[in-house]
Amino acid sequence: MTNKTLIVIAISLLAFSTTAYAQSNSLGVKASTLGL
């Protein structure tokens, strides 16, 4: 694999984990957003 492919995979995994984290803590995130 090329470096570009590895970077794309890393970004995809980061985006997926971030999305999963946000969904699992959606209420807390919404409360924090409203609080700010």
Protein backbone atom coordinates (compact mmCIF):
# COMPACT_ATOMS: atom_id res chain seq x y z
CA MET A 1 0.00 0.00 0.00
CA THR A 2 1.11 3.56 -0.61
CA ASN A 3 1.40 6.22 2.05
CA LYS A 4 -1.70 7.94 0.64
CA THR A 5 -3.70 4.75 1.09
CA LEU A 6 -2.53 4.42 4.69
CA ILE A 7 -3.46 8.05 5.37
CA VAL A 8 -6.94 7.55 3.92
CA ILE A 9 -7.44 4.43 6.06
CA ALA A 10 -6.22 6.24 9.19
CA ILE A 11 -8.57 9.17 8.57
CA SER A 12 -11.46 6.79 7.92
CA LEU A 13 -10.83 4.92 11.17
CA LEU A 14 -10.51 8.20 13.07
CA ALA A 15 -13.76 9.52 11.60
CA PHE A 16 -15.54 6.23 12.37
CA SER A 17 -14.34 6.12 15.98
CA THR A 18 -15.19 9.79 16.47
CA THR A 19 -18.70 9.25 15.07
CA ALA A 20 -19.25 6.17 17.24
CA TYR A 21 -18.05 8.09 20.30
CA ALA A 22 -20.35 11.02 19.51
CA GLN A 23 -23.34 8.71 19.01
CA SER A 24 -22.70 6.85 22.26
CA ASN A 25 -22.48 10.17 24.09
CA SER A 26 -25.01 12.11 21.99
CA LEU A 27 -26.95 13.42 24.98
CA GLY A 28 -23.80 14.59 26.72
CA VAL A 29 -22.52 16.19 23.52
CA LYS A 30 -25.81 17.99 22.92
CA ALA A 31 -25.88 19.23 26.51
CA SER A 32 -22.29 20.47 26.20
CA THR A 33 -23.06 22.20 22.91
CA LEU A 34 -26.09 23.94 24.38
CA GLY A 35 -24.08 24.82 27.46
CA LEU A 36 -21.41 26.49 25.32
